[in-house]
Every structure is written in C-alpha cells, then in structure tokens.
Amino acid sequence: MKQIENISTSIIDPESTVNVRISNKEEGIARVRDSIAEHGFLDNYPITIRPHPDQTAEYKYEIVMGQCRLHACIELGVNQIPAIIEHLNDKDAIRLSWAENEGRSELTLSDKAHWIKKIMTENYQEGKNLTQCREIAAKFFAISVPTVIKYYPMAFAPQKVMDMVNKGELRIEDASVIAKNTVGSAKKEDAEQIMTNQAEWISKMDKSHRDEAIKVIKDSEPSTPIDELDKIVEERISQKKGTVILPVAVPEDCVINIVKWGMKQGLGMTEPSIIVGHMVVVTLGGN
C-alpha cells in the first residue's frame, strides 16, 4: 500500500505540466472548495505529487493528480494536505492523470485533443511516421486510432473554437475540418481568425445547412469570405430541394419575432432569411 504523507501546500507547485485537466478548472476548484469548507478534507483521498522535475523551481513537488483539491486547500488557507509521492517521468505522470480524469469524465474534448497532439508531436519529432504516431497515441491513452484521428486536428484550432466544442455549440468534426483546411494557409493570427469566423458562422446553422457548410469549407480556399461561403451553401441546398432563392425584405423590428418563431420551430439560432424561407414553406404547405 502506498504511503500517505501530510505535505505542506506551500512546497507543491499548483501549476502542473503533466496534469491533463486544463479546461474548466475554476468550476472544479469551486466545487471542491465548497465541499472541503463544509465537510473538511478526507485523509483517505490524497493527491498525487512527484519531485519537481525543474531543479530551479521554487517548489519541491509538482502536482500530478488532484490539482483542484490542492488549489481549493490553498484558497482556504489549509497548510497541509495528504499526498502520495510518486517518482514519475512525464509520460507516466500524464498517463496516470489521464486515467484519473477520464474515470471521472472530467476531461473536456479540447483537453483530450491537446494531449493527443502533444504525444503525437513528441513521437513525430523522434522520427515516427504519422501512422505510427497515431497508433502510439491510441495505445498511450487506451483509445482507438479512429478516436485519435477525430480529435487530433481540433488541437490546432484557437481556444475560442475549442471552447465552442466544449459547450456543445460546435461539433468536434466541424472544428477538425475547419482546422485541417486552415492551418498552414496563413500567418497564425490570420489563420486563427479565419477558423473563429467559420466556427461562429457554422454554429448558428441548423443541421442540414451545417452539413453542407462543412462540405463547402472543404472545397473552398480558407480565405474565402463568409458571405461567399454562405451564398454557395444556400445555392447547393436550393438545388437539392429544387427551390428558388428569392430576395426578401422585412421591417427591421420584425427580425426578433422571426428569430423567435424559428426557435419555436426547432431551427435554433439560424439566419433570419433562412427562417423566412421555412416560414413560407410552412404557411403555403410546400414540401
């Protein structure tokens, strides 16, 4: 049985390089802080730390598992915390942290993509080819190769786009296509803006428009303006449905009511012009 020791919170680095939970830490810290404040810290629920790998660091240890518990104790002024000291290299520490967080279903999609990318990049730099990198990452995290392929491109998207995926505003497949089509096509700042614009544009669509938009993005240059992409999407959908695009002018003060009507119809935050088209079809009994 591993030995549990009471370690001073002042000598544990709260910022970990190997704890895989990056997103939504504040929520976890607040939840744990409230629990500790009410019930106290459970001595049989220790954190895991390792000797700090940076010999010049001001801390003696680095947090591996239990960073929310450590942060909560620090905020509450708790001087000591039960901990298990493990002598772990980076890979073993990351694997252990992944297993713990996955077991509690606390890893966001963006966190998974980040660490999959990290492991793949390290192995690529060591001379492995893409197929080998995928297989190594899959084995490392005990997931399938298709899952690695699905998550990896998303890690190249800006944080705003990854946050949209975490919140369910954007599908991970959409984020991956946007990233794959854009990365390397422009300066980093410009590429990130392109990805953000495309993600925000797609997130407002209903499923049929979103599916078509992803196809259009694959077929278009990354620098294609959103209004041009939108026009192509509408043309393709119209051709499929055998419909005709008509210009529609409505009073400005009606737009809010149009959007509300569309939401009641299950269209979500769709463009008003699309909602009007749906409204016409419903009213006139079209197919």
Protein backbone atom coordinates (compact mmCIF):
# COMPACT_ATOMS: atom_id res chain seq x y z
CA MET A 1 0.00 0.00 0.00
CA LYS A 2 1.34 3.42 -0.95
CA GLN A 3 2.28 5.66 1.95
CA ILE A 4 0.23 8.79 2.52
CA GLU A 5 2.07 11.78 3.97
CA ASN A 6 0.89 15.20 5.10
CA ILE A 7 2.74 17.66 2.86
CA SER A 8 2.85 21.43 3.22
CA THR A 9 0.80 23.06 0.45
CA SER A 10 3.45 25.78 0.21
CA ILE A 11 6.02 23.43 -1.34
CA ILE A 12 3.75 21.94 -4.04
CA ASP A 13 3.67 23.66 -7.43
CA PRO A 14 -0.05 24.20 -8.18
CA GLU A 15 0.65 24.71 -11.89
CA SER A 16 1.29 21.31 -13.38
CA THR A 17 2.95 20.42 -16.67
CA VAL A 18 1.54 16.89 -16.58
CA ASN A 19 -1.99 17.18 -15.17
CA VAL A 20 -4.18 16.70 -18.22
CA ARG A 21 -7.12 18.73 -16.97
CA ILE A 22 -6.70 22.20 -18.50
CA SER A 23 -10.23 23.46 -19.13
CA ASN A 24 -12.94 24.24 -16.58
CA LYS A 25 -10.52 24.08 -13.64
CA GLU A 26 -12.23 27.02 -11.94
CA GLU A 27 -15.53 25.15 -11.73
CA GLY A 28 -13.83 22.10 -10.25
CA ILE A 29 -11.88 24.16 -7.74
CA ALA A 30 -15.03 25.97 -6.58
CA ARG A 31 -16.92 22.68 -6.17
CA VAL A 32 -14.11 21.08 -4.16
CA ARG A 33 -13.55 24.24 -2.10
CA ASP A 34 -17.20 24.31 -1.02
CA SER A 35 -17.07 20.62 -0.12
CA ILE A 36 -13.88 20.98 1.94
CA ALA A 37 -15.23 24.07 3.67
CA GLU A 38 -18.33 22.14 4.73
CA HIS A 39 -17.03 18.64 5.37
CA GLY A 40 -13.24 19.00 5.69
CA PHE A 41 -10.60 17.14 3.67
CA LEU A 42 -10.81 13.34 3.59
CA ASP A 43 -7.48 11.91 4.69
CA ASN A 44 -8.06 8.75 2.67
CA TYR A 45 -8.46 10.77 -0.55
CA PRO A 46 -4.88 12.02 -1.11
CA ILE A 47 -3.48 13.92 -4.05
CA THR A 48 -0.53 12.54 -6.04
CA ILE A 49 2.66 14.55 -6.42
CA ARG A 50 6.15 13.96 -7.78
CA PRO A 51 9.55 15.52 -7.07
CA HIS A 52 9.63 18.68 -9.16
CA PRO A 53 11.40 17.96 -12.47
CA ASP A 54 12.69 21.54 -12.64
CA GLN A 55 15.62 21.73 -10.27
CA THR A 56 15.46 25.55 -10.32
CA ALA A 57 11.77 25.70 -9.33
CA GLU A 58 10.78 27.34 -6.05
CA TYR A 59 8.67 24.29 -5.19
CA LYS A 60 9.84 20.87 -4.03
CA TYR A 61 6.98 18.92 -5.64
CA GLU A 62 4.72 19.14 -8.69
CA ILE A 63 1.04 18.18 -8.66
CA VAL A 64 0.17 15.13 -10.78
CA MET A 65 -3.38 14.27 -9.68
CA GLY A 66 -5.72 16.35 -7.53
CA GLN A 67 -4.94 19.86 -8.71
CA CYS A 68 -8.47 21.08 -7.89
CA ARG A 69 -8.10 19.75 -4.34
CA LEU A 70 -4.71 21.44 -3.98
CA HIS A 71 -5.98 24.80 -5.31
CA ALA A 72 -9.03 24.59 -3.05
CA CYS A 73 -6.87 23.95 0.03
CA ILE A 74 -4.56 26.83 -0.85
CA GLU A 75 -7.54 29.18 -1.25
CA LEU A 76 -8.97 28.03 2.09
CA GLY A 77 -5.64 28.51 3.85
CA VAL A 78 -5.14 24.80 4.59
CA ASN A 79 -1.44 24.38 5.42
CA GLN A 80 -1.08 20.63 4.87
CA ILE A 81 -2.65 18.15 2.51
CA PRO A 82 -2.48 14.32 2.41
CA ALA A 83 -0.41 13.23 -0.56
CA ILE A 84 1.29 10.26 -2.17
CA ILE A 85 4.75 10.96 -3.56
CA GLU A 86 5.42 9.12 -6.82
CA HIS A 87 8.68 9.17 -8.76
CA LEU A 88 7.22 9.52 -12.25
CA ASN A 89 8.59 10.63 -15.59
CA ASP A 90 6.46 12.91 -17.77
CA LYS A 91 4.83 10.15 -19.79
CA ASP A 92 3.85 8.06 -16.78
CA ALA A 93 2.55 11.15 -14.99
CA ILE A 94 0.43 12.19 -17.98
CA ARG A 95 -0.93 8.67 -18.40
CA LEU A 96 -1.85 8.48 -14.71
CA SER A 97 -3.53 11.89 -14.76
CA TRP A 98 -5.48 10.96 -17.91
CA ALA A 99 -6.76 7.74 -16.36
CA GLU A 100 -7.94 9.52 -13.21
CA ASN A 101 -9.73 12.35 -15.02
CA GLU A 102 -11.25 10.08 -17.66
CA GLY A 103 -12.52 7.84 -14.90
CA ARG A 104 -14.48 10.77 -13.51
CA SER A 105 -15.49 12.01 -17.00
CA GLU A 106 -13.93 15.40 -16.27
CA LEU A 107 -11.84 15.85 -19.40
CA THR A 108 -13.22 18.23 -21.99
CA LEU A 109 -12.94 17.49 -25.69
CA SER A 110 -10.32 20.21 -26.08
CA ASP A 111 -8.22 18.72 -23.26
CA LYS A 112 -8.26 15.34 -24.98
CA ALA A 113 -7.27 16.91 -28.30
CA HIS A 114 -4.43 18.87 -26.63
CA TRP A 115 -2.78 15.83 -25.06
CA ILE A 116 -3.28 13.60 -28.09
CA LYS A 117 -1.49 16.25 -30.13
CA LYS A 118 1.29 16.50 -27.54
CA ILE A 119 2.04 12.78 -27.56
CA MET A 120 1.82 12.57 -31.35
CA THR A 121 4.11 15.58 -31.80
CA GLU A 122 6.73 14.17 -29.41
CA ASN A 123 6.84 10.88 -31.30
CA TYR A 124 6.88 12.61 -34.70
CA GLN A 125 9.90 14.62 -33.57
CA GLU A 126 11.56 11.34 -32.59
CA GLY A 127 11.25 10.14 -36.19
CA LYS A 128 7.98 8.19 -36.14
CA ASN A 129 5.67 8.49 -39.17
CA LEU A 130 2.04 9.65 -38.94
CA THR A 131 0.58 6.15 -38.77
CA GLN A 132 2.97 5.16 -36.01
CA CYS A 133 2.23 8.37 -34.08
CA ARG A 134 -1.49 7.65 -34.22
CA GLU A 135 -1.01 4.08 -33.02
CA ILE A 136 1.30 5.17 -30.19
CA ALA A 137 -1.16 7.85 -29.01
CA ALA A 138 -4.04 5.37 -29.14
CA LYS A 139 -2.13 2.86 -27.03
CA PHE A 140 -0.85 5.55 -24.66
CA PHE A 141 -4.34 6.79 -23.80
CA ALA A 142 -6.11 3.43 -24.25
CA ILE A 143 -8.36 4.75 -27.02
CA SER A 144 -8.92 3.76 -30.65
CA VAL A 145 -6.95 5.04 -33.63
CA PRO A 146 -10.16 6.49 -35.21
CA THR A 147 -10.66 8.48 -31.99
CA VAL A 148 -7.12 9.85 -32.29
CA ILE A 149 -7.77 10.81 -35.93
CA LYS A 150 -11.01 12.51 -34.90
CA TYR A 151 -9.54 14.58 -32.07
CA TYR A 152 -6.05 15.46 -33.35
CA PRO A 153 -6.88 18.22 -35.89
CA MET A 154 -9.07 20.06 -33.39
CA ALA A 155 -5.99 20.76 -31.24
CA PHE A 156 -4.80 23.23 -33.89
CA ALA A 157 -7.93 25.38 -33.54
CA PRO A 158 -7.84 28.55 -31.39
CA GLN A 159 -9.11 28.36 -27.82
CA LYS A 160 -12.35 30.16 -28.70
CA VAL A 161 -13.23 27.45 -31.20
CA MET A 162 -12.34 24.68 -28.75
CA ASP A 163 -14.49 26.36 -26.10
CA MET A 164 -17.41 26.24 -28.54
CA VAL A 165 -16.88 22.49 -28.91
CA ASN A 166 -16.71 22.03 -25.14
CA LYS A 167 -20.01 23.89 -24.75
CA GLY A 168 -21.73 21.83 -27.46
CA GLU A 169 -22.09 24.82 -29.79
CA LEU A 170 -19.89 23.17 -32.42
CA ARG A 171 -19.30 19.54 -33.31
CA ILE A 172 -15.78 18.24 -32.92
CA GLU A 173 -15.97 17.02 -36.53
CA ASP A 174 -16.69 20.60 -37.65
CA ALA A 175 -13.79 22.03 -35.65
CA SER A 176 -11.46 19.40 -37.09
CA VAL A 177 -12.44 20.15 -40.68
CA ILE A 178 -12.06 23.89 -40.12
CA ALA A 179 -8.61 23.40 -38.58
CA LYS A 180 -7.38 20.94 -41.23
CA ASN A 181 -8.49 23.28 -44.01
CA THR A 182 -6.89 26.39 -42.49
CA VAL A 183 -3.70 25.52 -40.60
CA GLY A 184 -0.62 26.44 -42.59
CA SER A 185 -2.54 28.57 -45.09
CA ALA A 186 -1.79 31.91 -43.43
CA LYS A 187 0.01 33.55 -40.53
CA LYS A 188 -1.03 32.12 -37.17
CA GLU A 189 -3.09 35.18 -36.18
CA ASP A 190 -4.87 35.29 -39.54
CA ALA A 191 -5.49 31.53 -39.53
CA GLU A 192 -6.98 31.68 -36.04
CA GLN A 193 -9.31 34.49 -37.08
CA ILE A 194 -10.43 32.53 -40.14
CA MET A 195 -11.15 29.46 -38.01
CA THR A 196 -13.05 31.52 -35.45
CA ASN A 197 -15.16 33.24 -38.12
CA GLN A 198 -16.03 29.93 -39.78
CA ALA A 199 -16.86 28.29 -36.44
CA GLU A 200 -19.17 31.13 -35.40
CA TRP A 201 -20.84 31.06 -38.82
CA ILE A 202 -21.48 27.31 -38.70
CA SER A 203 -22.62 27.26 -35.07
CA LYS A 204 -25.71 29.32 -35.96
CA MET A 205 -26.94 26.86 -38.58
CA ASP A 206 -29.41 24.01 -38.46
CA LYS A 207 -28.07 20.52 -39.18
CA SER A 208 -28.73 20.45 -42.93
CA HIS A 209 -27.06 23.80 -43.50
CA ARG A 210 -24.17 22.90 -41.21
CA ASP A 211 -23.50 19.64 -43.04
CA GLU A 212 -23.47 21.47 -46.35
CA ALA A 213 -21.29 24.25 -44.95
CA ILE A 214 -18.63 21.74 -43.91
CA LYS A 215 -18.56 20.37 -47.45
CA VAL A 216 -18.24 23.90 -48.82
CA ILE A 217 -15.34 24.67 -46.48
CA LYS A 218 -13.53 21.52 -47.68
CA ASP A 219 -13.99 22.64 -51.29
CA SER A 220 -13.00 26.28 -50.74
CA GLU A 221 -9.88 28.27 -50.04
CA PRO A 222 -9.52 29.20 -46.35
CA SER A 223 -9.50 32.91 -47.24
CA THR A 224 -12.95 32.73 -48.88
CA PRO A 225 -15.20 35.38 -47.24
CA ILE A 226 -18.06 34.11 -45.07
CA ASP A 227 -20.72 35.82 -47.18
CA GLU A 228 -19.42 33.99 -50.25
CA LEU A 229 -19.38 30.66 -48.40
CA ASP A 230 -22.91 31.35 -47.21
CA LYS A 231 -24.07 32.04 -50.77
CA ILE A 232 -22.60 28.75 -52.00
CA VAL A 233 -24.30 26.83 -49.18
CA GLU A 234 -27.68 28.35 -49.99
CA GLU A 235 -27.27 27.61 -53.69
CA ARG A 236 -26.38 23.98 -53.04
CA ILE A 237 -29.27 23.42 -50.67
CA SER A 238 -31.67 25.10 -53.09
CA GLN A 239 -30.50 22.86 -55.91
CA LYS A 240 -31.05 19.79 -53.75
CA LYS A 241 -34.54 20.87 -52.77
CA GLY A 242 -35.49 22.18 -56.19
CA THR A 243 -36.27 25.58 -54.73
CA VAL A 244 -35.65 29.13 -55.88
CA ILE A 245 -33.82 31.77 -53.87
CA LEU A 246 -35.86 34.96 -53.59
CA PRO A 247 -34.72 38.26 -52.07
CA VAL A 248 -36.88 39.08 -49.04
CA ALA A 249 -37.21 42.45 -47.33
CA VAL A 250 -38.86 42.67 -43.89
CA PRO A 251 -39.19 45.55 -41.40
CA GLU A 252 -36.26 45.67 -39.00
CA ASP A 253 -38.50 45.42 -35.95
CA CYS A 254 -39.82 42.07 -37.22
CA VAL A 255 -36.45 40.34 -37.20
CA ILE A 256 -36.56 39.48 -33.48
CA ASN A 257 -40.02 37.94 -33.86
CA ILE A 258 -38.82 35.98 -36.90
CA VAL A 259 -35.92 34.53 -34.92
CA LYS A 260 -38.24 33.65 -32.01
CA TRP A 261 -40.60 31.88 -34.41
CA GLY A 262 -37.70 29.94 -35.90
CA MET A 263 -36.54 28.80 -32.47
CA LYS A 264 -40.02 27.55 -31.66
CA GLN A 265 -39.86 25.55 -34.89
CA GLY A 266 -36.61 23.95 -33.74
CA LEU A 267 -34.37 25.85 -36.15
CA GLY A 268 -32.10 27.25 -33.43
CA MET A 269 -30.13 30.46 -33.97
CA THR A 270 -30.50 30.29 -37.75
CA GLU A 271 -30.16 33.27 -40.09
CA PRO A 272 -33.49 35.22 -40.34
CA SER A 273 -33.53 34.83 -44.13
CA ILE A 274 -33.48 31.03 -43.78
CA ILE A 275 -36.25 31.17 -41.18
CA VAL A 276 -38.39 33.29 -43.50
CA GLY A 277 -37.97 30.68 -46.22
CA HIS A 278 -39.07 27.97 -43.79
CA MET A 279 -41.99 30.15 -42.71
CA VAL A 280 -43.16 30.48 -46.32
CA VAL A 281 -42.98 26.73 -46.89
CA VAL A 282 -44.91 26.00 -43.68
CA THR A 283 -47.55 28.64 -44.40
CA LEU A 284 -48.11 27.64 -48.03
CA GLY A 285 -47.90 23.92 -47.38
CA GLY A 286 -44.86 23.24 -49.54
CA ASN A 287 -42.70 20.10 -49.26
